[in-house]
Amino acid sequence: MSALGNKEIMAKNIQRLMKSKGIDRNKMSDDLNIKYTTLTAWIKGDSYPRIDKIELMARYFGVSKSDLVEEQNQNRNEPADLVAAHIDEDTPDEEKEQIINFIENLKKARSNNE
């Protein structure tokens, strides 16, 4: 059981998803039409988003709501990390991107079935 509160868990999950997608606060706040200061408060764990904003972020990242609100397994690697660990340096970037996209599509399909 974790000592983290809901706001801290949400903050860590948003940060993790932003990092995995290569998205910064400016882009995300613009894309979702959310105030930069509001998003910053969520990312810092100062406040917690309403359910409609959680649903909006889940769709944006292509994940289930539980991926945002529940503590995630810290041993779980992101797709880019897994690809980097198993592909040699001669693999073209285009092929690496295709593999990452395939993994992301599998994750989306899985979250749609939940």
PDB file of N, CA and C in Angstrom:
ATOM      1  N   MET A   1       0.842  -1.177   0.000  1.00  0.00           N
ATOM      2  CA  MET A   1       0.000   0.000   0.000  1.00  0.00           C
ATOM      3  C   MET A   1       0.884   1.235   0.000  1.00  0.00           C
ATOM      4  N   SER A   2       0.520   2.210  -0.765  1.00  0.00           N
ATOM      5  CA  SER A   2       1.323   3.412  -0.904  1.00  0.00           C
ATOM      6  C   SER A   2       0.865   4.492   0.064  1.00  0.00           C
ATOM      7  N   ALA A   3       1.816   5.338   0.447  1.00  0.00           N
ATOM      8  CA  ALA A   3       1.492   6.472   1.305  1.00  0.00           C
ATOM      9  C   ALA A   3       1.087   7.688   0.479  1.00  0.00           C
ATOM     10  N   LEU A   4       1.145   7.561  -0.839  1.00  0.00           N
ATOM     11  CA  LEU A   4       0.780   8.682  -1.703  1.00  0.00           C
ATOM     12  C   LEU A   4      -0.723   8.924  -1.662  1.00  0.00           C
ATOM     13  N   GLY A   5      -1.113  10.192  -1.675  1.00  0.00           N
ATOM     14  CA  GLY A   5      -2.520  10.552  -1.747  1.00  0.00           C
ATOM     15  C   GLY A   5      -2.979  10.610  -3.191  1.00  0.00           C
ATOM     16  N   ASN A   6      -4.284  10.789  -3.373  1.00  0.00           N
ATOM     17  CA  ASN A   6      -4.860  10.816  -4.721  1.00  0.00           C
ATOM     18  C   ASN A   6      -4.247  11.888  -5.607  1.00  0.00           C
ATOM     19  N   LYS A   7      -4.030  13.079  -5.052  1.00  0.00           N
ATOM     20  CA  LYS A   7      -3.468  14.166  -5.859  1.00  0.00           C
ATOM     21  C   LYS A   7      -2.056  13.840  -6.326  1.00  0.00           C
ATOM     22  N   GLU A   8      -1.270  13.237  -5.435  1.00  0.00           N
ATOM     23  CA  GLU A   8       0.105  12.890  -5.790  1.00  0.00           C
ATOM     24  C   GLU A   8       0.150  11.774  -6.831  1.00  0.00           C
ATOM     25  N   ILE A   9      -0.746  10.799  -6.701  1.00  0.00           N
ATOM     26  CA  ILE A   9      -0.812   9.714  -7.685  1.00  0.00           C
ATOM     27  C   ILE A   9      -1.193  10.275  -9.049  1.00  0.00           C
ATOM     28  N   MET A  10      -2.219  11.123  -9.078  1.00  0.00           N
ATOM     29  CA  MET A  10      -2.629  11.753 -10.334  1.00  0.00           C
ATOM     30  C   MET A  10      -1.469  12.541 -10.932  1.00  0.00           C
ATOM     31  N   ALA A  11      -0.775  13.317 -10.114  1.00  0.00           N
ATOM     32  CA  ALA A  11       0.344  14.133 -10.595  1.00  0.00           C
ATOM     33  C   ALA A  11       1.413  13.255 -11.243  1.00  0.00           C
ATOM     34  N   LYS A  12       1.789  12.175 -10.566  1.00  0.00           N
ATOM     35  CA  LYS A  12       2.816  11.274 -11.110  1.00  0.00           C
ATOM     36  C   LYS A  12       2.357  10.638 -12.421  1.00  0.00           C
ATOM     37  N   ASN A  13       1.097  10.257 -12.494  1.00  0.00           N
ATOM     38  CA  ASN A  13       0.586   9.625 -13.711  1.00  0.00           C
ATOM     39  C   ASN A  13       0.530  10.602 -14.876  1.00  0.00           C
ATOM     40  N   ILE A  14       0.110  11.831 -14.627  1.00  0.00           N
ATOM     41  CA  ILE A  14       0.102  12.829 -15.700  1.00  0.00           C
ATOM     42  C   ILE A  14       1.527  13.072 -16.183  1.00  0.00           C
ATOM     43  N   GLN A  15       2.454  13.226 -15.248  1.00  0.00           N
ATOM     44  CA  GLN A  15       3.856  13.451 -15.618  1.00  0.00           C
ATOM     45  C   GLN A  15       4.397  12.286 -16.447  1.00  0.00           C
ATOM     46  N   ARG A  16       4.085  11.073 -16.012  1.00  0.00           N
ATOM     47  CA  ARG A  16       4.567   9.881 -16.722  1.00  0.00           C
ATOM     48  C   ARG A  16       4.021   9.835 -18.147  1.00  0.00           C
ATOM     49  N   LEU A  17       2.730  10.106 -18.292  1.00  0.00           N
ATOM     50  CA  LEU A  17       2.108  10.054 -19.615  1.00  0.00           C
ATOM     51  C   LEU A  17       2.607  11.180 -20.513  1.00  0.00           C
ATOM     52  N   MET A  18       2.806  12.350 -19.945  1.00  0.00           N
ATOM     53  CA  MET A  18       3.347  13.460 -20.732  1.00  0.00           C
ATOM     54  C   MET A  18       4.747  13.119 -21.230  1.00  0.00           C
ATOM     55  N   LYS A  19       5.548  12.551 -20.356  1.00  0.00           N
ATOM     56  CA  LYS A  19       6.918  12.182 -20.735  1.00  0.00           C
ATOM     57  C   LYS A  19       6.908  11.118 -21.826  1.00  0.00           C
ATOM     58  N   SER A  20       6.044  10.116 -21.674  1.00  0.00           N
ATOM     59  CA  SER A  20       6.014   9.028 -22.656  1.00  0.00           C
ATOM     60  C   SER A  20       5.559   9.509 -24.030  1.00  0.00           C
ATOM     61  N   LYS A  21       4.758  10.567 -24.057  1.00  0.00           N
ATOM     62  CA  LYS A  21       4.266  11.109 -25.331  1.00  0.00           C
ATOM     63  C   LYS A  21       5.099  12.292 -25.822  1.00  0.00           C
ATOM     64  N   GLY A  22       6.064  12.727 -25.014  1.00  0.00           N
ATOM     65  CA  GLY A  22       6.885  13.867 -25.400  1.00  0.00           C
ATOM     66  C   GLY A  22       6.099  15.171 -25.445  1.00  0.00           C
ATOM     67  N   ILE A  23       5.185  15.338 -24.515  1.00  0.00           N
ATOM     68  CA  ILE A  23       4.293  16.502 -24.490  1.00  0.00           C
ATOM     69  C   ILE A  23       4.679  17.400 -23.318  1.00  0.00           C
ATOM     70  N   ASP A  24       4.730  18.709 -23.560  1.00  0.00           N
ATOM     71  CA  ASP A  24       4.981  19.641 -22.464  1.00  0.00           C
ATOM     72  C   ASP A  24       3.670  20.286 -22.007  1.00  0.00           C
ATOM     73  N   ARG A  25       3.758  21.050 -20.937  1.00  0.00           N
ATOM     74  CA  ARG A  25       2.553  21.657 -20.350  1.00  0.00           C
ATOM     75  C   ARG A  25       1.856  22.599 -21.326  1.00  0.00           C
ATOM     76  N   ASN A  26       2.638  23.380 -22.061  1.00  0.00           N
ATOM     77  CA  ASN A  26       2.035  24.325 -23.008  1.00  0.00           C
ATOM     78  C   ASN A  26       1.194  23.598 -24.047  1.00  0.00           C
ATOM     79  N   LYS A  27       1.770  22.543 -24.641  1.00  0.00           N
ATOM     80  CA  LYS A  27       1.059  21.807 -25.683  1.00  0.00           C
ATOM     81  C   LYS A  27      -0.201  21.153 -25.117  1.00  0.00           C
ATOM     82  N   MET A  28      -0.058  20.501 -23.979  1.00  0.00           N
ATOM     83  CA  MET A  28      -1.205  19.803 -23.404  1.00  0.00           C
ATOM     84  C   MET A  28      -2.316  20.782 -23.021  1.00  0.00           C
ATOM     85  N   SER A  29      -1.952  21.894 -22.399  1.00  0.00           N
ATOM     86  CA  SER A  29      -2.987  22.858 -22.008  1.00  0.00           C
ATOM     87  C   SER A  29      -3.666  23.449 -23.237  1.00  0.00           C
ATOM     88  N   ASP A  30      -2.903  23.702 -24.298  1.00  0.00           N
ATOM     89  CA  ASP A  30      -3.502  24.201 -25.545  1.00  0.00           C
ATOM     90  C   ASP A  30      -4.395  23.147 -26.189  1.00  0.00           C
ATOM     91  N   ASP A  31      -3.873  21.910 -26.296  1.00  0.00           N
ATOM     92  CA  ASP A  31      -4.626  20.830 -26.949  1.00  0.00           C
ATOM     93  C   ASP A  31      -5.956  20.551 -26.251  1.00  0.00           C
ATOM     94  N   LEU A  32      -5.959  20.624 -24.925  1.00  0.00           N
ATOM     95  CA  LEU A  32      -7.157  20.278 -24.156  1.00  0.00           C
ATOM     96  C   LEU A  32      -7.981  21.496 -23.748  1.00  0.00           C
ATOM     97  N   ASN A  33      -7.497  22.672 -24.134  1.00  0.00           N
ATOM     98  CA  ASN A  33      -8.191  23.916 -23.775  1.00  0.00           C
ATOM     99  C   ASN A  33      -8.378  24.022 -22.258  1.00  0.00           C
ATOM    100  N   ILE A  34      -7.277  23.727 -21.553  1.00  0.00           N
ATOM    101  CA  ILE A  34      -7.229  23.814 -20.093  1.00  0.00           C
ATOM    102  C   ILE A  34      -6.243  24.925 -19.748  1.00  0.00           C
ATOM    103  N   LYS A  35      -6.558  25.711 -18.735  1.00  0.00           N
ATOM    104  CA  LYS A  35      -5.634  26.768 -18.324  1.00  0.00           C
ATOM    105  C   LYS A  35      -4.303  26.147 -17.909  1.00  0.00           C
ATOM    106  N   TYR A  36      -3.226  26.801 -18.319  1.00  0.00           N
ATOM    107  CA  TYR A  36      -1.876  26.346 -17.981  1.00  0.00           C
ATOM    108  C   TYR A  36      -1.721  26.227 -16.464  1.00  0.00           C
ATOM    109  N   THR A  37      -2.231  27.196 -15.732  1.00  0.00           N
ATOM    110  CA  THR A  37      -2.091  27.184 -14.273  1.00  0.00           C
ATOM    111  C   THR A  37      -2.874  26.034 -13.634  1.00  0.00           C
ATOM    112  N   THR A  38      -4.005  25.691 -14.215  1.00  0.00           N
ATOM    113  CA  THR A  38      -4.793  24.557 -13.717  1.00  0.00           C
ATOM    114  C   THR A  38      -4.030  23.260 -13.932  1.00  0.00           C
ATOM    115  N   LEU A  39      -3.503  23.075 -15.146  1.00  0.00           N
ATOM    116  CA  LEU A  39      -2.726  21.875 -15.444  1.00  0.00           C
ATOM    117  C   LEU A  39      -1.504  21.789 -14.538  1.00  0.00           C
ATOM    118  N   THR A  40      -0.836  22.912 -14.327  1.00  0.00           N
ATOM    119  CA  THR A  40       0.337  22.938 -13.453  1.00  0.00           C
ATOM    120  C   THR A  40      -0.030  22.505 -12.036  1.00  0.00           C
ATOM    121  N   ALA A  41      -1.176  22.941 -11.547  1.00  0.00           N
ATOM    122  CA  ALA A  41      -1.622  22.544 -10.206  1.00  0.00           C
ATOM    123  C   ALA A  41      -1.846  21.035 -10.131  1.00  0.00           C
ATOM    124  N   TRP A  42      -2.390  20.443 -11.187  1.00  0.00           N
ATOM    125  CA  TRP A  42      -2.574  18.984 -11.215  1.00  0.00           C
ATOM    126  C   TRP A  42      -1.227  18.277 -11.224  1.00  0.00           C
ATOM    127  N   ILE A  43      -0.294  18.782 -12.040  1.00  0.00           N
ATOM    128  CA  ILE A  43       1.021  18.153 -12.189  1.00  0.00           C
ATOM    129  C   ILE A  43       1.834  18.254 -10.900  1.00  0.00           C
ATOM    130  N   LYS A  44       1.634  19.313 -10.150  1.00  0.00           N
ATOM    131  CA  LYS A  44       2.342  19.490  -8.878  1.00  0.00           C
ATOM    132  C   LYS A  44       1.645  18.774  -7.722  1.00  0.00           C
ATOM    133  N   GLY A  45       0.444  18.274  -7.954  1.00  0.00           N
ATOM    134  CA  GLY A  45      -0.301  17.607  -6.894  1.00  0.00           C
ATOM    135  C   GLY A  45      -0.971  18.578  -5.944  1.00  0.00           C
ATOM    136  N   ASP A  46      -1.154  19.824  -6.389  1.00  0.00           N
ATOM    137  CA  ASP A  46      -1.805  20.836  -5.553  1.00  0.00           C
ATOM    138  C   ASP A  46      -3.324  20.745  -5.612  1.00  0.00           C
ATOM    139  N   SER A  47      -3.850  20.235  -6.718  1.00  0.00           N
ATOM    140  CA  SER A  47      -5.299  20.077  -6.851  1.00  0.00           C
ATOM    141  C   SER A  47      -5.589  18.830  -7.676  1.00  0.00           C
ATOM    142  N   TYR A  48      -6.860  18.458  -7.711  1.00  0.00           N
ATOM    143  CA  TYR A  48      -7.285  17.227  -8.374  1.00  0.00           C
ATOM    144  C   TYR A  48      -8.336  17.576  -9.424  1.00  0.00           C
ATOM    145  N   PRO A  49      -8.199  17.047 -10.639  1.00  0.00           N
ATOM    146  CA  PRO A  49      -9.165  17.388 -11.696  1.00  0.00           C
ATOM    147  C   PRO A  49     -10.537  16.760 -11.468  1.00  0.00           C
ATOM    148  N   ARG A  50     -11.563  17.432 -12.001  1.00  0.00           N
ATOM    149  CA  ARG A  50     -12.917  16.878 -11.994  1.00  0.00           C
ATOM    150  C   ARG A  50     -12.967  15.680 -12.949  1.00  0.00           C
ATOM    151  N   ILE A  51     -13.987  14.865 -12.807  1.00  0.00           N
ATOM    152  CA  ILE A  51     -14.110  13.642 -13.603  1.00  0.00           C
ATOM    153  C   ILE A  51     -14.140  13.935 -15.098  1.00  0.00           C
ATOM    154  N   ASP A  52     -14.780  15.031 -15.517  1.00  0.00           N
ATOM    155  CA  ASP A  52     -14.821  15.330 -16.947  1.00  0.00           C
ATOM    156  C   ASP A  52     -13.428  15.619 -17.494  1.00  0.00           C
ATOM    157  N   LYS A  53     -12.567  16.214 -16.677  1.00  0.00           N
ATOM    158  CA  LYS A  53     -11.193  16.499 -17.110  1.00  0.00           C
ATOM    159  C   LYS A  53     -10.349  15.223 -17.088  1.00  0.00           C
ATOM    160  N   ILE A  54     -10.639  14.336 -16.157  1.00  0.00           N
ATOM    161  CA  ILE A  54      -9.945  13.042 -16.128  1.00  0.00           C
ATOM    162  C   ILE A  54     -10.290  12.258 -17.394  1.00  0.00           C
ATOM    163  N   GLU A  55     -11.566  12.250 -17.763  1.00  0.00           N
ATOM    164  CA  GLU A  55     -11.996  11.564 -18.987  1.00  0.00           C
ATOM    165  C   GLU A  55     -11.351  12.196 -20.216  1.00  0.00           C
ATOM    166  N   LEU A  56     -11.269  13.527 -20.232  1.00  0.00           N
ATOM    167  CA  LEU A  56     -10.643  14.242 -21.339  1.00  0.00           C
ATOM    168  C   LEU A  56      -9.170  13.852 -21.471  1.00  0.00           C
ATOM    169  N   MET A  57      -8.451  13.808 -20.348  1.00  0.00           N
ATOM    170  CA  MET A  57      -7.034  13.433 -20.379  1.00  0.00           C
ATOM    171  C   MET A  57      -6.858  11.974 -20.784  1.00  0.00           C
ATOM    172  N   ALA A  58      -7.740  11.095 -20.313  1.00  0.00           N
ATOM    173  CA  ALA A  58      -7.644   9.679 -20.674  1.00  0.00           C
ATOM    174  C   ALA A  58      -7.779   9.510 -22.188  1.00  0.00           C
ATOM    175  N   ARG A  59      -8.737  10.199 -22.785  1.00  0.00           N
ATOM    176  CA  ARG A  59      -8.890  10.138 -24.249  1.00  0.00           C
ATOM    177  C   ARG A  59      -7.665  10.725 -24.947  1.00  0.00           C
ATOM    178  N   TYR A  60      -7.164  11.823 -24.422  1.00  0.00           N
ATOM    179  CA  TYR A  60      -6.001  12.505 -25.001  1.00  0.00           C
ATOM    180  C   TYR A  60      -4.782  11.583 -25.038  1.00  0.00           C
ATOM    181  N   PHE A  61      -4.551  10.876 -23.942  1.00  0.00           N
ATOM    182  CA  PHE A  61      -3.391   9.989 -23.863  1.00  0.00           C
ATOM    183  C   PHE A  61      -3.675   8.595 -24.414  1.00  0.00           C
ATOM    184  N   GLY A  62      -4.931   8.287 -24.694  1.00  0.00           N
ATOM    185  CA  GLY A  62      -5.279   6.966 -25.193  1.00  0.00           C
ATOM    186  C   GLY A  62      -5.148   5.889 -24.135  1.00  0.00           C
ATOM    187  N   VAL A  63      -5.518   6.237 -22.902  1.00  0.00           N
ATOM    188  CA  VAL A  63      -5.429   5.294 -21.785  1.00  0.00           C
ATOM    189  C   VAL A  63      -6.780   5.227 -21.078  1.00  0.00           C
ATOM    190  N   SER A  64      -6.907   4.294 -20.161  1.00  0.00           N
ATOM    191  CA  SER A  64      -8.126   4.227 -19.357  1.00  0.00           C
ATOM    192  C   SER A  64      -8.034   5.246 -18.219  1.00  0.00           C
ATOM    193  N   LYS A  65      -9.169   5.586 -17.650  1.00  0.00           N
ATOM    194  CA  LYS A  65      -9.176   6.522 -16.517  1.00  0.00           C
ATOM    195  C   LYS A  65      -8.359   5.967 -15.358  1.00  0.00           C
ATOM    196  N   SER A  66      -8.377   4.651 -15.199  1.00  0.00           N
ATOM    197  CA  SER A  66      -7.619   4.055 -14.095  1.00  0.00           C
ATOM    198  C   SER A  66      -6.117   4.288 -14.249  1.00  0.00           C
ATOM    199  N   ASP A  67      -5.651   4.450 -15.484  1.00  0.00           N
ATOM    200  CA  ASP A  67      -4.232   4.753 -15.694  1.00  0.00           C
ATOM    201  C   ASP A  67      -3.868   6.135 -15.162  1.00  0.00           C
ATOM    202  N   LEU A  68      -4.853   6.973 -14.978  1.00  0.00           N
ATOM    203  CA  LEU A  68      -4.620   8.306 -14.416  1.00  0.00           C
ATOM    204  C   LEU A  68      -4.834   8.345 -12.908  1.00  0.00           C
ATOM    205  N   VAL A  69      -5.838   7.641 -12.418  1.00  0.00           N
ATOM    206  CA  VAL A  69      -6.224   7.799 -11.012  1.00  0.00           C
ATOM    207  C   VAL A  69      -5.621   6.761 -10.073  1.00  0.00           C
ATOM    208  N   GLU A  70      -5.131   5.650 -10.610  1.00  0.00           N
ATOM    209  CA  GLU A  70      -4.580   4.597  -9.763  1.00  0.00           C
ATOM    210  C   GLU A  70      -3.063   4.597  -9.826  1.00  0.00           C
ATOM    211  N   GLU A  71      -2.462   4.189  -8.721  1.00  0.00           N
ATOM    212  CA  GLU A  71      -1.009   4.101  -8.675  1.00  0.00           C
ATOM    213  C   GLU A  71      -0.549   3.025  -9.653  1.00  0.00           C
ATOM    214  N   GLN A  72       0.436   3.361 -10.442  1.00  0.00           N
ATOM    215  CA  GLN A  72       0.925   2.444 -11.465  1.00  0.00           C
ATOM    216  C   GLN A  72       2.132   1.676 -10.952  1.00  0.00           C
ATOM    217  N   ASN A  73       2.313   0.485 -11.467  1.00  0.00           N
ATOM    218  CA  ASN A  73       3.457  -0.347 -11.127  1.00  0.00           C
ATOM    219  C   ASN A  73       4.723   0.357 -11.588  1.00  0.00           C
ATOM    220  N   GLN A  74       5.608   0.636 -10.667  1.00  0.00           N
ATOM    221  CA  GLN A  74       6.834   1.363 -11.000  1.00  0.00           C
ATOM    222  C   GLN A  74       7.804   0.535 -11.836  1.00  0.00           C
ATOM    223  N   ASN A  75       7.625  -0.775 -11.880  1.00  0.00           N
ATOM    224  CA  ASN A  75       8.513  -1.625 -12.665  1.00  0.00           C
ATOM    225  C   ASN A  75       8.100  -1.713 -14.123  1.00  0.00           C
ATOM    226  N   ARG A  76       6.936  -1.174 -14.429  1.00  0.00           N
ATOM    227  CA  ARG A  76       6.441  -1.240 -15.801  1.00  0.00           C
ATOM    228  C   ARG A  76       7.206  -0.242 -16.657  1.00  0.00           C
ATOM    229  N   ASN A  77       7.773  -0.730 -17.731  1.00  0.00           N
ATOM    230  CA  ASN A  77       8.521   0.132 -18.637  1.00  0.00           C
ATOM    231  C   ASN A  77       7.602   0.728 -19.678  1.00  0.00           C
ATOM    232  N   GLU A  78       7.956   1.901 -20.142  1.00  0.00           N
ATOM    233  CA  GLU A  78       7.233   2.539 -21.226  1.00  0.00           C
ATOM    234  C   GLU A  78       7.656   1.890 -22.541  1.00  0.00           C
ATOM    235  N   PRO A  79       6.812   1.930 -23.563  1.00  0.00           N
ATOM    236  CA  PRO A  79       7.138   1.291 -24.839  1.00  0.00           C
ATOM    237  C   PRO A  79       8.478   1.718 -25.418  1.00  0.00           C
ATOM    238  N   ALA A  80       8.800   2.981 -25.346  1.00  0.00           N
ATOM    239  CA  ALA A  80      10.067   3.445 -25.908  1.00  0.00           C
ATOM    240  C   ALA A  80      11.248   2.797 -25.198  1.00  0.00           C
ATOM    241  N   ASP A  81      11.141   2.615 -23.878  1.00  0.00           N
ATOM    242  CA  ASP A  81      12.207   1.966 -23.123  1.00  0.00           C
ATOM    243  C   ASP A  81      12.347   0.505 -23.522  1.00  0.00           C
ATOM    244  N   LEU A  82      11.211  -0.173 -23.703  1.00  0.00           N
ATOM    245  CA  LEU A  82      11.248  -1.576 -24.105  1.00  0.00           C
ATOM    246  C   LEU A  82      11.866  -1.737 -25.486  1.00  0.00           C
ATOM    247  N   VAL A  83      11.486  -0.873 -26.398  1.00  0.00           N
ATOM    248  CA  VAL A  83      12.029  -0.931 -27.753  1.00  0.00           C
ATOM    249  C   VAL A  83      13.530  -0.700 -27.716  1.00  0.00           C
ATOM    250  N   ALA A  84      13.954   0.296 -26.978  1.00  0.00           N
ATOM    251  CA  ALA A  84      15.377   0.623 -26.907  1.00  0.00           C
ATOM    252  C   ALA A  84      16.186  -0.540 -26.342  1.00  0.00           C
ATOM    253  N   ALA A  85      15.599  -1.289 -25.437  1.00  0.00           N
ATOM    254  CA  ALA A  85      16.312  -2.393 -24.814  1.00  0.00           C
ATOM    255  C   ALA A  85      16.438  -3.616 -25.713  1.00  0.00           C
ATOM    256  N   HIS A  86      15.586  -3.728 -26.739  1.00  0.00           N
ATOM    257  CA  HIS A  86      15.553  -4.946 -27.535  1.00  0.00           C
ATOM    258  C   HIS A  86      15.846  -4.759 -29.017  1.00  0.00           C
ATOM    259  N   ILE A  87      16.184  -3.568 -29.428  1.00  0.00           N
ATOM    260  CA  ILE A  87      16.471  -3.319 -30.838  1.00  0.00           C
ATOM    261  C   ILE A  87      17.897  -2.819 -30.961  1.00  0.00           C
ATOM    262  N   ASP A  88      18.607  -3.362 -31.931  1.00  0.00           N
ATOM    263  CA  ASP A  88      19.988  -2.920 -32.093  1.00  0.00           C
ATOM    264  C   ASP A  88      20.044  -1.536 -32.730  1.00  0.00           C
ATOM    265  N   GLU A  89      21.209  -0.923 -32.660  1.00  0.00           N
ATOM    266  CA  GLU A  89      21.345   0.458 -33.127  1.00  0.00           C
ATOM    267  C   GLU A  89      21.266   0.599 -34.639  1.00  0.00           C
ATOM    268  N   ASP A  90      21.283  -0.505 -35.381  1.00  0.00           N
ATOM    269  CA  ASP A  90      21.162  -0.441 -36.838  1.00  0.00           C
ATOM    270  C   ASP A  90      19.710  -0.356 -37.308  1.00  0.00           C
ATOM    271  N   THR A  91      18.775  -0.547 -36.403  1.00  0.00           N
ATOM    272  CA  THR A  91      17.362  -0.479 -36.770  1.00  0.00           C
ATOM    273  C   THR A  91      17.005   0.963 -37.119  1.00  0.00           C
ATOM    274  N   PRO A  92      16.423   1.179 -38.297  1.00  0.00           N
ATOM    275  CA  PRO A  92      16.054   2.547 -38.695  1.00  0.00           C
ATOM    276  C   PRO A  92      15.008   3.147 -37.756  1.00  0.00           C
ATOM    277  N   ASP A  93      15.075   4.467 -37.594  1.00  0.00           N
ATOM    278  CA  ASP A  93      14.131   5.171 -36.721  1.00  0.00           C
ATOM    279  C   ASP A  93      12.690   4.934 -37.143  1.00  0.00           C
ATOM    280  N   GLU A  94      12.448   4.851 -38.447  1.00  0.00           N
ATOM    281  CA  GLU A  94      11.086   4.629 -38.943  1.00  0.00           C
ATOM    282  C   GLU A  94      10.525   3.300 -38.427  1.00  0.00           C
ATOM    283  N   GLU A  95      11.351   2.264 -38.418  1.00  0.00           N
ATOM    284  CA  GLU A  95      10.906   0.962 -37.913  1.00  0.00           C
ATOM    285  C   GLU A  95      10.664   1.016 -36.405  1.00  0.00           C
ATOM    286  N   LYS A  96      11.525   1.725 -35.687  1.00  0.00           N
ATOM    287  CA  LYS A  96      11.324   1.875 -34.242  1.00  0.00           C
ATOM    288  C   LYS A  96       9.991   2.567 -33.971  1.00  0.00           C
ATOM    289  N   GLU A  97       9.698   3.611 -34.739  1.00  0.00           N
ATOM    290  CA  GLU A  97       8.442   4.345 -34.572  1.00  0.00           C
ATOM    291  C   GLU A  97       7.244   3.441 -34.861  1.00  0.00           C
ATOM    292  N   GLN A  98       7.356   2.583 -35.876  1.00  0.00           N
ATOM    293  CA  GLN A  98       6.271   1.657 -36.194  1.00  0.00           C
ATOM    294  C   GLN A  98       6.024   0.688 -35.038  1.00  0.00           C
ATOM    295  N   ILE A  99       7.085   0.225 -34.421  1.00  0.00           N
ATOM    296  CA  ILE A  99       6.959  -0.693 -33.290  1.00  0.00           C
ATOM    297  C   ILE A  99       6.288   0.012 -32.113  1.00  0.00           C
ATOM    298  N   ILE A 100       6.716   1.237 -31.829  1.00  0.00           N
ATOM    299  CA  ILE A 100       6.117   2.002 -30.738  1.00  0.00           C
ATOM    300  C   ILE A 100       4.637   2.240 -31.011  1.00  0.00           C
ATOM    301  N   ASN A 101       4.296   2.599 -32.251  1.00  0.00           N
ATOM    302  CA  ASN A 101       2.891   2.813 -32.614  1.00  0.00           C
ATOM    303  C   ASN A 101       2.072   1.542 -32.441  1.00  0.00           C
ATOM    304  N   PHE A 102       2.652   0.402 -32.810  1.00  0.00           N
ATOM    305  CA  PHE A 102       1.971  -0.881 -32.642  1.00  0.00           C
ATOM    306  C   PHE A 102       1.668  -1.136 -31.164  1.00  0.00           C
ATOM    307  N   ILE A 103       2.650  -0.907 -30.309  1.00  0.00           N
ATOM    308  CA  ILE A 103       2.463  -1.106 -28.872  1.00  0.00           C
ATOM    309  C   ILE A 103       1.381  -0.174 -28.343  1.00  0.00           C
ATOM    310  N   GLU A 104       1.427   1.090 -28.765  1.00  0.00           N
ATOM    311  CA  GLU A 104       0.417   2.056 -28.318  1.00  0.00           C
ATOM    312  C   GLU A 104      -0.983   1.640 -28.764  1.00  0.00           C
ATOM    313  N   ASN A 105      -1.105   1.138 -29.987  1.00  0.00           N
ATOM    314  CA  ASN A 105      -2.410   0.683 -30.480  1.00  0.00           C
ATOM    315  C   ASN A 105      -2.925  -0.507 -29.682  1.00  0.00           C
ATOM    316  N   LEU A 106      -2.030  -1.410 -29.302  1.00  0.00           N
ATOM    317  CA  LEU A 106      -2.436  -2.535 -28.456  1.00  0.00           C
ATOM    318  C   LEU A 106      -2.947  -2.043 -27.108  1.00  0.00           C
ATOM    319  N   LYS A 107      -2.245  -1.061 -26.529  1.00  0.00           N
ATOM    320  CA  LYS A 107      -2.668  -0.510 -25.246  1.00  0.00           C
ATOM    321  C   LYS A 107      -4.026   0.175 -25.360  1.00  0.00           C
ATOM    322  N   LYS A 108      -4.248   0.906 -26.457  1.00  0.00           N
ATOM    323  CA  LYS A 108      -5.535   1.572 -26.660  1.00  0.00           C
ATOM    324  C   LYS A 108      -6.654   0.545 -26.783  1.00  0.00           C
ATOM    325  N   ALA A 109      -6.396  -0.508 -27.546  1.00  0.00           N
ATOM    326  CA  ALA A 109      -7.408  -1.550 -27.721  1.00  0.00           C
ATOM    327  C   ALA A 109      -7.730  -2.207 -26.382  1.00  0.00           C
ATOM    328  N   ARG A 110      -6.713  -2.441 -25.580  1.00  0.00           N
ATOM    329  CA  ARG A 110      -6.916  -3.050 -24.270  1.00  0.00           C
ATOM    330  C   ARG A 110      -7.735  -2.124 -23.371  1.00  0.00           C
ATOM    331  N   SER A 111      -7.427  -0.824 -23.381  1.00  0.00           N
ATOM    332  CA  SER A 111      -8.166   0.106 -22.519  1.00  0.00           C
ATOM    333  C   SER A 111      -9.604   0.285 -22.995  1.00  0.00           C
ATOM    334  N   ASN A 112      -9.851   0.137 -24.298  1.00  0.00           N
ATOM    335  CA  ASN A 112     -11.217   0.230 -24.822  1.00  0.00           C
ATOM    336  C   ASN A 112     -12.061  -0.969 -24.407  1.00  0.00           C
ATOM    337  N   ASN A 113     -11.407  -2.091 -24.136  1.00  0.00           N
ATOM    338  CA  ASN A 113     -12.123  -3.300 -23.729  1.00  0.00           C
ATOM    339  C   ASN A 113     -12.394  -3.347 -22.232  1.00  0.00           C
ATOM    340  N   GLU A 114     -11.836  -2.391 -21.481  1.00  0.00           N
ATOM    341  CA  GLU A 114     -12.030  -2.392 -20.018  1.00  0.00           C
ATOM    342  C   GLU A 114     -13.393  -1.884 -19.649  1.00  0.00           C
TER     343      GLU A 114
END
